N, C-alpha and C. Protein backbone atom coordinates (compact mmCIF):
# COMPACT_ATOMS: atom_id res chain seq x y z
N MET A 1 -83.93 -45.93 3.14
CA MET A 1 -83.82 -45.03 1.98
C MET A 1 -82.63 -45.48 1.16
N LYS A 2 -82.85 -45.53 -0.08
CA LYS A 2 -81.81 -45.99 -0.99
C LYS A 2 -81.04 -44.78 -1.53
N LEU A 3 -79.67 -44.77 -1.29
CA LEU A 3 -78.84 -43.65 -1.76
C LEU A 3 -78.27 -43.95 -3.14
N THR A 4 -78.34 -42.95 -3.95
CA THR A 4 -77.73 -43.10 -5.27
C THR A 4 -76.26 -42.70 -5.21
N ARG A 5 -75.57 -43.06 -6.23
CA ARG A 5 -74.13 -42.70 -6.29
C ARG A 5 -73.95 -41.20 -6.31
N THR A 6 -74.81 -40.51 -6.99
CA THR A 6 -74.70 -39.05 -7.10
C THR A 6 -74.89 -38.39 -5.74
N SER A 7 -75.86 -38.87 -4.98
CA SER A 7 -76.12 -38.25 -3.68
C SER A 7 -74.98 -38.52 -2.72
N VAL A 8 -74.34 -39.68 -2.83
CA VAL A 8 -73.20 -39.98 -1.97
C VAL A 8 -72.03 -39.06 -2.27
N LEU A 9 -71.74 -38.82 -3.55
CA LEU A 9 -70.65 -37.91 -3.93
C LEU A 9 -70.92 -36.49 -3.47
N ALA A 10 -72.18 -36.06 -3.60
CA ALA A 10 -72.52 -34.72 -3.18
C ALA A 10 -72.35 -34.55 -1.68
N ALA A 11 -72.76 -35.57 -0.92
CA ALA A 11 -72.62 -35.49 0.54
C ALA A 11 -71.17 -35.48 0.96
N SER A 12 -70.36 -36.27 0.28
CA SER A 12 -68.92 -36.31 0.59
C SER A 12 -68.26 -34.97 0.32
N SER A 13 -68.66 -34.34 -0.82
CA SER A 13 -68.08 -33.05 -1.17
C SER A 13 -68.44 -32.00 -0.14
N LEU A 14 -69.69 -32.03 0.32
CA LEU A 14 -70.11 -31.06 1.34
C LEU A 14 -69.35 -31.27 2.64
N LEU A 15 -69.13 -32.50 3.01
CA LEU A 15 -68.43 -32.81 4.25
C LEU A 15 -66.98 -32.34 4.19
N ILE A 16 -66.30 -32.65 3.07
CA ILE A 16 -64.90 -32.24 2.92
C ILE A 16 -64.77 -30.73 2.85
N GLY A 17 -65.68 -30.09 2.11
CA GLY A 17 -65.65 -28.63 2.00
C GLY A 17 -65.87 -27.97 3.34
N GLY A 18 -66.79 -28.52 4.11
CA GLY A 18 -67.04 -27.95 5.43
C GLY A 18 -65.85 -28.06 6.34
N PHE A 19 -65.15 -29.22 6.27
CA PHE A 19 -63.96 -29.42 7.11
C PHE A 19 -62.85 -28.44 6.74
N MET A 20 -62.61 -28.28 5.43
CA MET A 20 -61.57 -27.36 4.98
C MET A 20 -61.90 -25.92 5.33
N GLY A 21 -63.18 -25.54 5.22
CA GLY A 21 -63.56 -24.19 5.58
C GLY A 21 -63.36 -23.92 7.05
N ALA A 22 -63.71 -24.91 7.87
CA ALA A 22 -63.51 -24.74 9.32
C ALA A 22 -62.04 -24.62 9.65
N SER A 23 -61.19 -25.41 8.98
CA SER A 23 -59.74 -25.34 9.21
C SER A 23 -59.19 -23.97 8.83
N ALA A 24 -59.69 -23.42 7.71
CA ALA A 24 -59.23 -22.10 7.28
C ALA A 24 -59.61 -21.04 8.29
N LEU A 25 -60.83 -21.14 8.85
CA LEU A 25 -61.27 -20.16 9.85
C LEU A 25 -60.40 -20.24 11.10
N VAL A 26 -60.03 -21.42 11.50
CA VAL A 26 -59.16 -21.58 12.68
C VAL A 26 -57.79 -20.98 12.42
N ALA A 27 -57.23 -21.25 11.23
CA ALA A 27 -55.91 -20.70 10.89
C ALA A 27 -55.94 -19.20 10.82
N LEU A 28 -57.02 -18.66 10.23
CA LEU A 28 -57.13 -17.21 10.11
C LEU A 28 -57.26 -16.56 11.47
N ALA A 29 -57.94 -17.21 12.37
CA ALA A 29 -58.10 -16.65 13.71
C ALA A 29 -56.77 -16.59 14.46
N GLY A 30 -55.84 -17.50 14.14
CA GLY A 30 -54.55 -17.54 14.83
C GLY A 30 -53.44 -16.79 14.12
N TRP A 31 -53.74 -16.13 13.00
CA TRP A 31 -52.71 -15.42 12.21
C TRP A 31 -52.32 -14.11 12.89
N THR A 32 -51.01 -13.83 12.93
CA THR A 32 -50.49 -12.58 13.50
C THR A 32 -49.71 -11.87 12.41
N ASN A 33 -50.07 -10.62 12.14
CA ASN A 33 -49.38 -9.84 11.12
C ASN A 33 -47.97 -9.47 11.58
N ALA A 34 -47.08 -9.19 10.60
CA ALA A 34 -45.73 -8.74 10.91
C ALA A 34 -45.78 -7.42 11.66
N PRO A 35 -44.89 -7.22 12.65
CA PRO A 35 -44.93 -5.99 13.45
C PRO A 35 -44.58 -4.74 12.66
N ALA A 36 -43.90 -4.87 11.50
CA ALA A 36 -43.52 -3.70 10.69
C ALA A 36 -43.20 -4.18 9.29
N ASN A 37 -43.19 -3.21 8.36
CA ASN A 37 -42.82 -3.54 6.98
C ASN A 37 -41.32 -3.81 6.90
N PRO A 38 -40.94 -4.73 6.03
CA PRO A 38 -39.50 -5.02 5.86
C PRO A 38 -38.74 -3.74 5.49
N PRO A 39 -37.48 -3.54 5.94
CA PRO A 39 -36.72 -4.54 6.71
C PRO A 39 -36.82 -4.35 8.22
N SER A 40 -37.71 -3.47 8.71
CA SER A 40 -37.78 -3.21 10.14
C SER A 40 -38.27 -4.44 10.89
N ASN A 41 -37.69 -4.66 12.07
CA ASN A 41 -38.11 -5.73 12.99
C ASN A 41 -38.09 -7.12 12.35
N ASN A 42 -37.26 -7.30 11.33
CA ASN A 42 -37.16 -8.62 10.72
C ASN A 42 -35.90 -9.32 11.20
N ALA A 43 -35.84 -10.59 11.01
CA ALA A 43 -34.67 -11.36 11.43
C ALA A 43 -33.44 -10.91 10.65
N ALA A 44 -32.32 -10.93 11.32
CA ALA A 44 -31.08 -10.49 10.68
C ALA A 44 -30.70 -11.43 9.55
N ALA A 45 -30.19 -10.84 8.47
CA ALA A 45 -29.75 -11.65 7.33
C ALA A 45 -28.54 -12.49 7.74
N PRO A 46 -28.43 -13.70 7.29
CA PRO A 46 -27.34 -14.58 7.75
C PRO A 46 -25.99 -14.32 7.12
N VAL A 47 -25.91 -13.54 6.02
CA VAL A 47 -24.63 -13.41 5.31
C VAL A 47 -24.00 -12.04 5.43
N ASN A 48 -24.72 -11.06 5.89
CA ASN A 48 -24.11 -9.73 5.94
C ASN A 48 -24.05 -9.15 7.35
N VAL A 49 -24.41 -9.92 8.33
CA VAL A 49 -24.24 -9.47 9.71
C VAL A 49 -23.66 -10.62 10.51
N GLY A 50 -23.05 -10.29 11.59
CA GLY A 50 -22.48 -11.32 12.43
C GLY A 50 -21.53 -10.72 13.42
N GLY A 51 -21.03 -11.51 14.31
CA GLY A 51 -20.13 -11.01 15.33
C GLY A 51 -18.83 -11.76 15.32
N GLY A 52 -18.01 -11.43 16.25
CA GLY A 52 -16.71 -12.08 16.37
C GLY A 52 -15.84 -11.29 17.30
N ASP A 53 -14.72 -11.84 17.65
CA ASP A 53 -13.77 -11.15 18.51
C ASP A 53 -12.99 -10.14 17.69
N TYR A 54 -13.13 -8.86 18.00
CA TYR A 54 -12.40 -7.83 17.29
C TYR A 54 -10.97 -7.76 17.82
N PRO A 55 -9.98 -7.51 16.93
CA PRO A 55 -8.61 -7.29 17.42
C PRO A 55 -8.56 -6.08 18.34
N ALA A 56 -7.69 -6.12 19.30
CA ALA A 56 -7.58 -5.02 20.26
C ALA A 56 -7.30 -3.71 19.54
N GLY A 57 -8.08 -2.70 19.83
CA GLY A 57 -7.90 -1.38 19.24
C GLY A 57 -8.58 -1.20 17.91
N ASP A 58 -9.22 -2.24 17.38
CA ASP A 58 -9.88 -2.15 16.08
C ASP A 58 -11.38 -1.99 16.30
N SER A 59 -11.91 -0.83 15.91
CA SER A 59 -13.32 -0.54 16.15
C SER A 59 -14.15 -0.65 14.88
N ARG A 60 -13.61 -1.24 13.82
CA ARG A 60 -14.36 -1.37 12.58
C ARG A 60 -15.52 -2.35 12.73
N ASN A 61 -16.53 -2.21 11.88
CA ASN A 61 -17.71 -3.05 11.93
C ASN A 61 -17.48 -4.33 11.12
N TYR A 62 -17.19 -5.41 11.81
CA TYR A 62 -16.98 -6.68 11.13
C TYR A 62 -18.32 -7.26 10.69
N SER A 63 -18.35 -7.91 9.53
CA SER A 63 -19.60 -8.46 9.03
C SER A 63 -19.81 -9.89 9.51
N GLN A 64 -18.80 -10.73 9.39
CA GLN A 64 -18.98 -12.12 9.78
C GLN A 64 -17.63 -12.79 9.95
N THR A 65 -17.57 -13.70 10.91
CA THR A 65 -16.35 -14.45 11.17
C THR A 65 -16.54 -15.88 10.73
N LYS A 66 -15.57 -16.42 9.96
CA LYS A 66 -15.64 -17.78 9.46
C LYS A 66 -14.47 -18.57 10.00
N THR A 67 -14.77 -19.72 10.61
CA THR A 67 -13.71 -20.60 11.07
C THR A 67 -13.70 -21.86 10.22
N GLY A 68 -12.57 -22.51 10.17
CA GLY A 68 -12.46 -23.71 9.36
C GLY A 68 -12.18 -23.39 7.90
N LEU A 69 -12.23 -24.41 7.05
CA LEU A 69 -11.95 -24.24 5.63
C LEU A 69 -13.13 -23.61 4.90
N LEU A 70 -12.83 -22.81 3.91
CA LEU A 70 -13.85 -22.16 3.09
C LEU A 70 -13.50 -22.38 1.63
N GLY A 71 -14.38 -23.04 0.88
CA GLY A 71 -14.15 -23.28 -0.53
C GLY A 71 -14.79 -22.19 -1.37
N LEU A 72 -14.05 -21.69 -2.35
CA LEU A 72 -14.52 -20.63 -3.23
C LEU A 72 -14.37 -21.06 -4.67
N GLY A 73 -15.28 -20.59 -5.49
CA GLY A 73 -15.19 -20.88 -6.91
C GLY A 73 -14.38 -19.83 -7.63
N ASN A 74 -14.96 -19.16 -8.60
CA ASN A 74 -14.30 -18.09 -9.34
C ASN A 74 -14.27 -16.85 -8.45
N PHE A 75 -13.15 -16.61 -7.78
CA PHE A 75 -13.05 -15.59 -6.75
C PHE A 75 -12.18 -14.42 -7.22
N GLN A 76 -12.67 -13.22 -7.01
CA GLN A 76 -11.90 -12.01 -7.34
C GLN A 76 -11.87 -11.12 -6.12
N PHE A 77 -10.65 -10.80 -5.66
CA PHE A 77 -10.50 -9.98 -4.46
C PHE A 77 -10.33 -8.52 -4.85
N VAL A 78 -11.20 -7.67 -4.35
CA VAL A 78 -11.13 -6.24 -4.64
C VAL A 78 -11.16 -5.49 -3.31
N PRO A 79 -9.98 -5.08 -2.77
CA PRO A 79 -9.98 -4.33 -1.51
C PRO A 79 -10.76 -3.02 -1.66
N PRO A 80 -11.36 -2.52 -0.58
CA PRO A 80 -12.10 -1.26 -0.65
C PRO A 80 -11.26 -0.13 -1.20
N GLY A 81 -11.80 0.57 -2.18
CA GLY A 81 -11.10 1.70 -2.78
C GLY A 81 -10.00 1.34 -3.76
N MET A 82 -9.82 0.04 -4.02
CA MET A 82 -8.77 -0.39 -4.92
C MET A 82 -9.38 -0.89 -6.22
N PRO A 83 -8.76 -0.60 -7.37
CA PRO A 83 -9.31 -1.06 -8.64
C PRO A 83 -9.15 -2.56 -8.80
N ALA A 84 -10.07 -3.15 -9.55
CA ALA A 84 -9.99 -4.59 -9.82
C ALA A 84 -9.10 -4.87 -11.02
N THR A 85 -8.70 -3.84 -11.76
CA THR A 85 -7.85 -4.01 -12.93
C THR A 85 -6.47 -3.42 -12.64
N GLY A 86 -5.52 -3.74 -13.50
CA GLY A 86 -4.17 -3.23 -13.33
C GLY A 86 -3.42 -3.87 -12.18
N THR A 87 -3.82 -5.07 -11.79
CA THR A 87 -3.19 -5.74 -10.66
C THR A 87 -2.31 -6.91 -11.08
N THR A 88 -2.09 -7.08 -12.37
CA THR A 88 -1.24 -8.18 -12.84
C THR A 88 0.18 -8.01 -12.29
N GLY A 89 0.70 -9.08 -11.70
CA GLY A 89 2.04 -9.04 -11.14
C GLY A 89 2.10 -8.48 -9.74
N LYS A 90 0.97 -8.04 -9.19
CA LYS A 90 0.93 -7.49 -7.84
C LYS A 90 0.69 -8.61 -6.83
N VAL A 91 0.97 -8.32 -5.57
CA VAL A 91 0.70 -9.26 -4.49
C VAL A 91 -0.07 -8.54 -3.39
N LEU A 92 -0.85 -9.31 -2.62
CA LEU A 92 -1.58 -8.73 -1.50
C LEU A 92 -0.62 -8.55 -0.33
N THR A 93 -0.66 -7.37 0.27
CA THR A 93 0.22 -7.08 1.39
C THR A 93 -0.54 -6.30 2.44
N ALA A 94 -0.22 -6.51 3.71
CA ALA A 94 -0.89 -5.80 4.80
C ALA A 94 -0.50 -4.33 4.78
N ILE A 95 -1.50 -3.45 4.94
CA ILE A 95 -1.24 -2.01 4.93
C ILE A 95 -1.51 -1.36 6.28
N ASP A 96 -1.93 -2.16 7.28
CA ASP A 96 -2.06 -1.65 8.64
C ASP A 96 -1.88 -2.81 9.61
N ASP A 97 -1.98 -2.50 10.92
CA ASP A 97 -1.74 -3.52 11.95
C ASP A 97 -2.93 -4.43 12.18
N PHE A 98 -4.05 -4.20 11.46
CA PHE A 98 -5.26 -5.00 11.67
C PHE A 98 -5.51 -5.98 10.53
N GLY A 99 -4.56 -6.12 9.63
CA GLY A 99 -4.70 -7.09 8.57
C GLY A 99 -5.39 -6.58 7.32
N THR A 100 -5.67 -5.27 7.24
CA THR A 100 -6.22 -4.72 6.01
C THR A 100 -5.19 -4.90 4.90
N VAL A 101 -5.64 -5.38 3.74
CA VAL A 101 -4.70 -5.69 2.68
C VAL A 101 -4.93 -4.79 1.46
N GLY A 102 -3.91 -4.65 0.68
CA GLY A 102 -3.97 -3.90 -0.57
C GLY A 102 -2.98 -4.51 -1.54
N TRP A 103 -3.01 -4.05 -2.78
CA TRP A 103 -2.11 -4.58 -3.80
C TRP A 103 -0.75 -3.91 -3.70
N GLY A 104 0.30 -4.70 -3.70
CA GLY A 104 1.66 -4.18 -3.64
C GLY A 104 2.52 -4.81 -4.72
N ASN A 105 3.72 -4.26 -4.89
CA ASN A 105 4.64 -4.79 -5.89
C ASN A 105 5.14 -6.16 -5.47
N ALA A 106 5.24 -7.07 -6.41
CA ALA A 106 5.72 -8.42 -6.11
C ALA A 106 7.13 -8.37 -5.56
N GLY A 107 7.35 -9.07 -4.49
CA GLY A 107 8.67 -9.12 -3.89
C GLY A 107 8.92 -7.98 -2.93
N GLY A 108 8.44 -6.78 -3.25
CA GLY A 108 8.59 -5.65 -2.37
C GLY A 108 10.02 -5.16 -2.21
N GLY A 109 10.98 -5.71 -2.99
CA GLY A 109 12.37 -5.32 -2.84
C GLY A 109 12.74 -4.10 -3.68
N GLN A 110 13.96 -3.62 -3.49
CA GLN A 110 14.47 -2.49 -4.25
C GLN A 110 15.65 -2.94 -5.09
N SER A 111 15.93 -2.17 -6.11
CA SER A 111 17.06 -2.49 -6.98
C SER A 111 17.75 -1.21 -7.40
N ILE A 112 18.90 -1.35 -8.03
CA ILE A 112 19.69 -0.20 -8.47
C ILE A 112 19.25 0.21 -9.87
N HIS A 113 19.04 1.51 -10.05
CA HIS A 113 18.64 2.05 -11.35
C HIS A 113 19.64 3.13 -11.75
N PHE A 114 20.14 3.03 -12.97
CA PHE A 114 21.05 4.07 -13.48
C PHE A 114 20.29 4.97 -14.45
N ILE A 115 20.62 6.24 -14.43
CA ILE A 115 19.98 7.25 -15.27
C ILE A 115 21.04 8.00 -16.06
N THR A 116 20.60 8.82 -17.00
CA THR A 116 21.53 9.71 -17.70
C THR A 116 22.14 10.67 -16.69
N PRO A 117 23.47 10.76 -16.62
CA PRO A 117 24.11 11.60 -15.59
C PRO A 117 23.60 13.03 -15.59
N VAL A 118 23.36 13.53 -14.38
CA VAL A 118 22.89 14.91 -14.18
C VAL A 118 23.95 15.66 -13.38
N SER A 119 24.50 16.74 -13.95
CA SER A 119 25.54 17.51 -13.28
C SER A 119 24.96 18.29 -12.09
N ILE A 120 25.70 18.28 -11.00
CA ILE A 120 25.32 19.00 -9.79
C ILE A 120 26.34 20.10 -9.54
N THR A 121 25.86 21.33 -9.43
CA THR A 121 26.75 22.47 -9.24
C THR A 121 27.27 22.50 -7.81
N LEU A 122 28.59 22.49 -7.66
CA LEU A 122 29.22 22.56 -6.35
C LEU A 122 29.37 24.02 -5.95
N ALA A 123 28.75 24.38 -4.84
CA ALA A 123 28.73 25.78 -4.41
C ALA A 123 30.06 26.19 -3.79
N THR A 124 30.34 27.48 -3.88
CA THR A 124 31.50 28.08 -3.23
C THR A 124 31.01 29.19 -2.29
N PRO A 125 31.74 29.55 -1.27
CA PRO A 125 33.09 29.09 -0.95
C PRO A 125 33.09 27.72 -0.29
N SER A 126 34.26 27.27 0.12
CA SER A 126 34.43 25.97 0.74
C SER A 126 33.52 25.83 1.96
N GLY A 127 32.87 24.67 2.08
CA GLY A 127 32.02 24.40 3.23
C GLY A 127 30.58 24.87 3.08
N THR A 128 30.20 25.36 1.90
CA THR A 128 28.83 25.83 1.68
C THR A 128 27.93 24.64 1.33
N TRP A 129 26.90 24.43 2.14
CA TRP A 129 25.97 23.33 1.88
C TRP A 129 24.85 23.79 0.95
N SER A 130 24.49 22.93 0.00
CA SER A 130 23.42 23.22 -0.95
C SER A 130 22.45 22.04 -0.96
N THR A 131 21.20 22.31 -1.40
CA THR A 131 20.18 21.27 -1.49
C THR A 131 19.91 20.95 -2.95
N PHE A 132 19.91 19.67 -3.27
CA PHE A 132 19.62 19.22 -4.64
C PHE A 132 18.30 18.47 -4.64
N ASN A 133 17.41 18.84 -5.58
CA ASN A 133 16.12 18.17 -5.73
C ASN A 133 16.21 17.16 -6.87
N ALA A 134 16.16 15.88 -6.53
CA ALA A 134 16.30 14.83 -7.54
C ALA A 134 14.98 14.35 -8.10
N SER A 135 13.86 14.95 -7.69
CA SER A 135 12.53 14.50 -8.13
C SER A 135 12.38 14.44 -9.65
N PRO A 136 12.87 15.43 -10.41
CA PRO A 136 12.68 15.37 -11.87
C PRO A 136 13.41 14.20 -12.53
N TYR A 137 14.35 13.58 -11.82
CA TYR A 137 15.17 12.56 -12.44
C TYR A 137 14.92 11.15 -11.88
N ILE A 138 14.10 11.06 -10.81
CA ILE A 138 13.83 9.77 -10.16
C ILE A 138 12.33 9.51 -10.19
N PRO A 139 11.84 8.59 -11.06
CA PRO A 139 10.41 8.34 -11.15
C PRO A 139 9.87 7.48 -10.02
N SER A 140 10.73 6.73 -9.33
CA SER A 140 10.28 5.83 -8.27
C SER A 140 9.67 6.60 -7.11
N THR A 141 8.63 6.01 -6.48
CA THR A 141 7.99 6.64 -5.33
C THR A 141 8.62 6.21 -4.02
N ASN A 142 9.49 5.22 -4.06
CA ASN A 142 10.13 4.72 -2.85
C ASN A 142 11.63 4.60 -3.10
N VAL A 143 12.38 5.59 -2.61
CA VAL A 143 13.82 5.67 -2.87
C VAL A 143 14.56 5.66 -1.55
N SER A 144 15.61 4.86 -1.46
CA SER A 144 16.37 4.77 -0.21
C SER A 144 17.77 5.37 -0.30
N ALA A 145 18.27 5.59 -1.53
CA ALA A 145 19.61 6.16 -1.67
C ALA A 145 19.80 6.68 -3.09
N VAL A 146 20.74 7.62 -3.22
CA VAL A 146 21.14 8.10 -4.54
C VAL A 146 22.54 7.57 -4.85
N ILE A 147 22.85 7.49 -6.14
CA ILE A 147 24.17 7.07 -6.59
C ILE A 147 24.84 8.27 -7.24
N LEU A 148 25.97 8.66 -6.71
CA LEU A 148 26.67 9.86 -7.16
C LEU A 148 28.02 9.48 -7.77
N GLN A 149 28.39 10.17 -8.83
CA GLN A 149 29.69 10.00 -9.46
C GLN A 149 30.51 11.26 -9.23
N TYR A 150 31.74 11.08 -8.87
CA TYR A 150 32.57 12.24 -8.53
C TYR A 150 33.91 12.17 -9.25
N TYR A 151 34.51 13.34 -9.40
CA TYR A 151 35.85 13.42 -9.99
C TYR A 151 36.57 14.59 -9.32
N ALA A 152 37.79 14.34 -8.92
CA ALA A 152 38.57 15.39 -8.27
C ALA A 152 40.02 15.33 -8.74
N GLN A 153 40.58 16.49 -9.07
CA GLN A 153 42.01 16.61 -9.39
C GLN A 153 42.56 17.67 -8.45
N ILE A 154 43.40 17.22 -7.54
CA ILE A 154 43.75 18.04 -6.39
C ILE A 154 45.25 18.29 -6.38
N GLY A 155 45.59 19.54 -6.08
CA GLY A 155 46.99 19.92 -6.03
C GLY A 155 47.55 19.95 -4.63
N GLN A 156 46.79 20.44 -3.68
CA GLN A 156 47.32 20.54 -2.34
C GLN A 156 46.18 20.69 -1.33
N GLY A 157 46.48 20.36 -0.08
CA GLY A 157 45.53 20.58 1.02
C GLY A 157 44.30 19.67 0.98
N GLN A 158 43.34 20.04 1.83
CA GLN A 158 42.11 19.25 1.96
C GLN A 158 41.22 19.42 0.74
N ASN A 159 40.73 18.30 0.22
CA ASN A 159 39.76 18.31 -0.86
C ASN A 159 38.74 17.21 -0.58
N GLU A 160 37.51 17.59 -0.37
CA GLU A 160 36.51 16.64 0.11
C GLU A 160 35.12 17.04 -0.40
N ILE A 161 34.28 16.03 -0.67
CA ILE A 161 32.86 16.24 -0.98
C ILE A 161 32.05 15.41 0.00
N ASP A 162 31.16 16.07 0.73
CA ASP A 162 30.31 15.40 1.71
C ASP A 162 28.85 15.47 1.28
N VAL A 163 28.05 14.47 1.69
CA VAL A 163 26.61 14.46 1.41
C VAL A 163 25.88 14.16 2.71
N ARG A 164 24.62 14.64 2.80
CA ARG A 164 23.77 14.39 3.96
C ARG A 164 22.32 14.60 3.55
N GLN A 165 21.38 14.12 4.38
CA GLN A 165 19.97 14.31 4.07
C GLN A 165 19.54 15.75 4.29
N ASN A 166 19.88 16.31 5.44
CA ASN A 166 19.48 17.68 5.78
C ASN A 166 20.45 18.21 6.83
N SER A 167 20.21 19.46 7.25
CA SER A 167 21.14 20.13 8.15
C SER A 167 21.23 19.48 9.53
N SER A 168 20.20 18.71 9.92
CA SER A 168 20.22 18.07 11.24
C SER A 168 20.70 16.62 11.17
N ALA A 169 21.05 16.15 9.98
CA ALA A 169 21.48 14.77 9.81
C ALA A 169 23.00 14.68 9.72
N GLN A 170 23.51 13.51 9.97
CA GLN A 170 24.94 13.28 9.87
C GLN A 170 25.38 13.35 8.42
N SER A 171 26.57 13.91 8.21
CA SER A 171 27.12 13.98 6.86
C SER A 171 28.11 12.84 6.65
N TYR A 172 28.26 12.45 5.36
CA TYR A 172 29.15 11.34 5.01
C TYR A 172 30.09 11.80 3.90
N PRO A 173 31.38 11.52 4.03
CA PRO A 173 32.32 11.90 2.96
C PRO A 173 32.16 11.01 1.74
N LEU A 174 31.94 11.63 0.61
CA LEU A 174 31.87 10.90 -0.65
C LEU A 174 33.28 10.67 -1.19
N ILE A 175 34.12 11.73 -1.13
CA ILE A 175 35.55 11.59 -1.42
C ILE A 175 36.32 12.43 -0.41
N ASP A 176 37.53 12.02 -0.13
CA ASP A 176 38.40 12.75 0.79
C ASP A 176 39.84 12.46 0.38
N CYS A 177 40.50 13.47 -0.16
CA CYS A 177 41.85 13.31 -0.67
C CYS A 177 42.70 14.48 -0.21
N GLU A 178 43.80 14.19 0.51
CA GLU A 178 44.63 15.25 1.06
C GLU A 178 46.10 14.96 0.75
N PRO A 179 46.65 15.55 -0.32
CA PRO A 179 48.08 15.36 -0.65
C PRO A 179 48.95 15.91 0.48
N ASN A 180 50.11 15.29 0.64
CA ASN A 180 50.99 15.68 1.74
C ASN A 180 51.67 17.03 1.51
N GLY A 181 52.16 17.28 0.33
CA GLY A 181 52.90 18.50 0.09
C GLY A 181 52.33 19.29 -1.07
N SER A 182 52.84 20.50 -1.25
CA SER A 182 52.33 21.38 -2.29
C SER A 182 52.63 20.84 -3.68
N SER A 183 53.62 19.99 -3.79
CA SER A 183 53.97 19.46 -5.10
C SER A 183 53.26 18.14 -5.41
N ASP A 184 52.58 17.58 -4.42
CA ASP A 184 51.87 16.32 -4.63
C ASP A 184 50.54 16.57 -5.34
N THR A 185 50.08 15.57 -6.08
CA THR A 185 48.78 15.66 -6.73
C THR A 185 47.95 14.42 -6.40
N CYS A 186 46.63 14.58 -6.53
CA CYS A 186 45.73 13.47 -6.23
C CYS A 186 44.56 13.54 -7.20
N THR A 187 44.37 12.46 -7.95
CA THR A 187 43.26 12.39 -8.90
C THR A 187 42.35 11.22 -8.50
N VAL A 188 41.09 11.54 -8.27
CA VAL A 188 40.15 10.52 -7.80
C VAL A 188 38.91 10.56 -8.67
N LYS A 189 38.40 9.37 -9.07
CA LYS A 189 37.16 9.27 -9.82
C LYS A 189 36.45 8.00 -9.41
N GLY A 190 35.16 8.08 -9.17
CA GLY A 190 34.42 6.88 -8.77
C GLY A 190 32.96 7.20 -8.50
N MET A 191 32.28 6.21 -7.90
CA MET A 191 30.87 6.36 -7.56
C MET A 191 30.66 5.98 -6.11
N GLY A 192 29.59 6.51 -5.53
CA GLY A 192 29.26 6.18 -4.16
C GLY A 192 27.77 6.41 -3.90
N PHE A 193 27.31 5.87 -2.78
CA PHE A 193 25.91 6.04 -2.39
C PHE A 193 25.77 7.21 -1.43
N GLY A 194 24.62 7.88 -1.54
CA GLY A 194 24.34 8.99 -0.64
C GLY A 194 22.92 8.91 -0.10
N PRO A 195 22.67 9.48 1.08
CA PRO A 195 21.32 9.45 1.66
C PRO A 195 20.38 10.39 0.93
N ILE A 196 19.09 10.14 1.06
CA ILE A 196 18.09 10.98 0.40
C ILE A 196 16.84 11.05 1.27
N ASN A 197 16.12 12.16 1.21
CA ASN A 197 14.88 12.34 1.95
C ASN A 197 13.70 11.76 1.18
N SER A 198 12.56 11.65 1.87
CA SER A 198 11.36 11.10 1.23
C SER A 198 10.87 11.99 0.09
N ASP A 199 11.19 13.30 0.14
CA ASP A 199 10.81 14.20 -0.96
C ASP A 199 11.85 14.24 -2.07
N LYS A 200 12.81 13.31 -2.01
CA LYS A 200 13.86 13.13 -3.03
C LYS A 200 14.84 14.30 -3.08
N THR A 201 15.12 14.88 -1.94
CA THR A 201 16.14 15.92 -1.85
C THR A 201 17.29 15.43 -0.96
N PHE A 202 18.46 16.00 -1.16
CA PHE A 202 19.61 15.75 -0.28
C PHE A 202 20.51 16.98 -0.33
N GLN A 203 21.44 17.05 0.61
CA GLN A 203 22.36 18.19 0.67
C GLN A 203 23.79 17.72 0.40
N TYR A 204 24.60 18.64 -0.07
CA TYR A 204 25.98 18.32 -0.41
C TYR A 204 26.84 19.56 -0.22
N ALA A 205 28.13 19.35 -0.05
CA ALA A 205 29.07 20.46 0.11
C ALA A 205 30.46 20.00 -0.29
N GLN A 206 31.30 20.95 -0.70
CA GLN A 206 32.70 20.64 -1.00
C GLN A 206 33.60 21.44 -0.04
N PHE A 207 34.66 20.79 0.37
CA PHE A 207 35.65 21.42 1.25
C PHE A 207 36.99 21.31 0.52
N TYR A 208 37.63 22.45 0.30
CA TYR A 208 38.79 22.43 -0.58
C TYR A 208 39.75 23.57 -0.25
N ARG A 209 40.97 23.39 -0.74
CA ARG A 209 41.97 24.45 -0.72
C ARG A 209 42.55 24.67 -2.11
N GLY A 210 42.24 23.77 -3.02
CA GLY A 210 42.74 23.91 -4.38
C GLY A 210 42.20 22.79 -5.24
N GLY A 211 42.60 22.79 -6.51
CA GLY A 211 42.17 21.73 -7.41
C GLY A 211 40.76 21.96 -7.93
N SER A 212 40.18 20.93 -8.52
CA SER A 212 38.85 21.03 -9.10
C SER A 212 38.07 19.75 -8.81
N ARG A 213 36.76 19.88 -8.72
CA ARG A 213 35.90 18.75 -8.40
C ARG A 213 34.62 18.84 -9.24
N THR A 214 34.07 17.69 -9.62
CA THR A 214 32.77 17.63 -10.28
C THR A 214 31.92 16.57 -9.57
N LEU A 215 30.60 16.75 -9.64
CA LEU A 215 29.68 15.82 -8.98
C LEU A 215 28.47 15.61 -9.89
N GLN A 216 28.04 14.35 -10.05
CA GLN A 216 26.90 14.02 -10.90
C GLN A 216 25.99 13.01 -10.21
N LEU A 217 24.69 13.16 -10.45
CA LEU A 217 23.71 12.16 -10.05
C LEU A 217 23.60 11.16 -11.20
N VAL A 218 23.89 9.87 -10.91
CA VAL A 218 23.91 8.86 -11.99
C VAL A 218 22.92 7.73 -11.76
N GLY A 219 22.25 7.68 -10.59
CA GLY A 219 21.31 6.60 -10.35
C GLY A 219 20.70 6.69 -8.97
N TYR A 220 19.93 5.67 -8.63
CA TYR A 220 19.26 5.63 -7.32
C TYR A 220 18.93 4.18 -6.97
N VAL A 221 18.63 3.98 -5.70
CA VAL A 221 18.18 2.67 -5.21
C VAL A 221 16.72 2.81 -4.81
N GLY A 222 15.84 2.04 -5.45
CA GLY A 222 14.42 2.16 -5.16
C GLY A 222 13.61 1.11 -5.91
N ASN A 223 12.30 1.24 -5.84
CA ASN A 223 11.41 0.30 -6.53
C ASN A 223 11.38 0.60 -8.02
């Protein structure tokens, strides 16, 4: 029998089609559907889950641990709960024992700040302790000491101004001038540092037998 070109092409097409159909039936017979709709029972994502050695006492859920060098392009660090703006001049600093970081003031140091002098009323009688609230005059949130200016003109006996943080803390003499005799005089003027509480309060008292004394808040040590 003599085959024409057309009949040969038709036979070839039928043969190839039959082979492909049989292959599809085999593949379909071996197909297994997913056990659940995403994301249930699916493989864990490679970038948002992972394990690692947690620091002792740290029960937070770590996402992934990276060892070796890591190259980053245009990177912006935004700690949880912290704004991404207003951070110019700030530095990253640890805020707990587990390495959690937040934005802090560059350098982290304190400096001396002078303010318009504020008169402090010295209570009487001698030895009366009073509390002064410096909050309205000190804008800094981290203060370690106050700067006080004093003046005393003394005629006789003990004349002293002491400062302390509170009634249970040690007191420190800011000035102490005691002329020897009734005819002696003592004039003292200067500045000194005094302790302060975290709520920006401190206590003060004057001890005297005569003369006059003045006390002013003139500055503070803080951020």
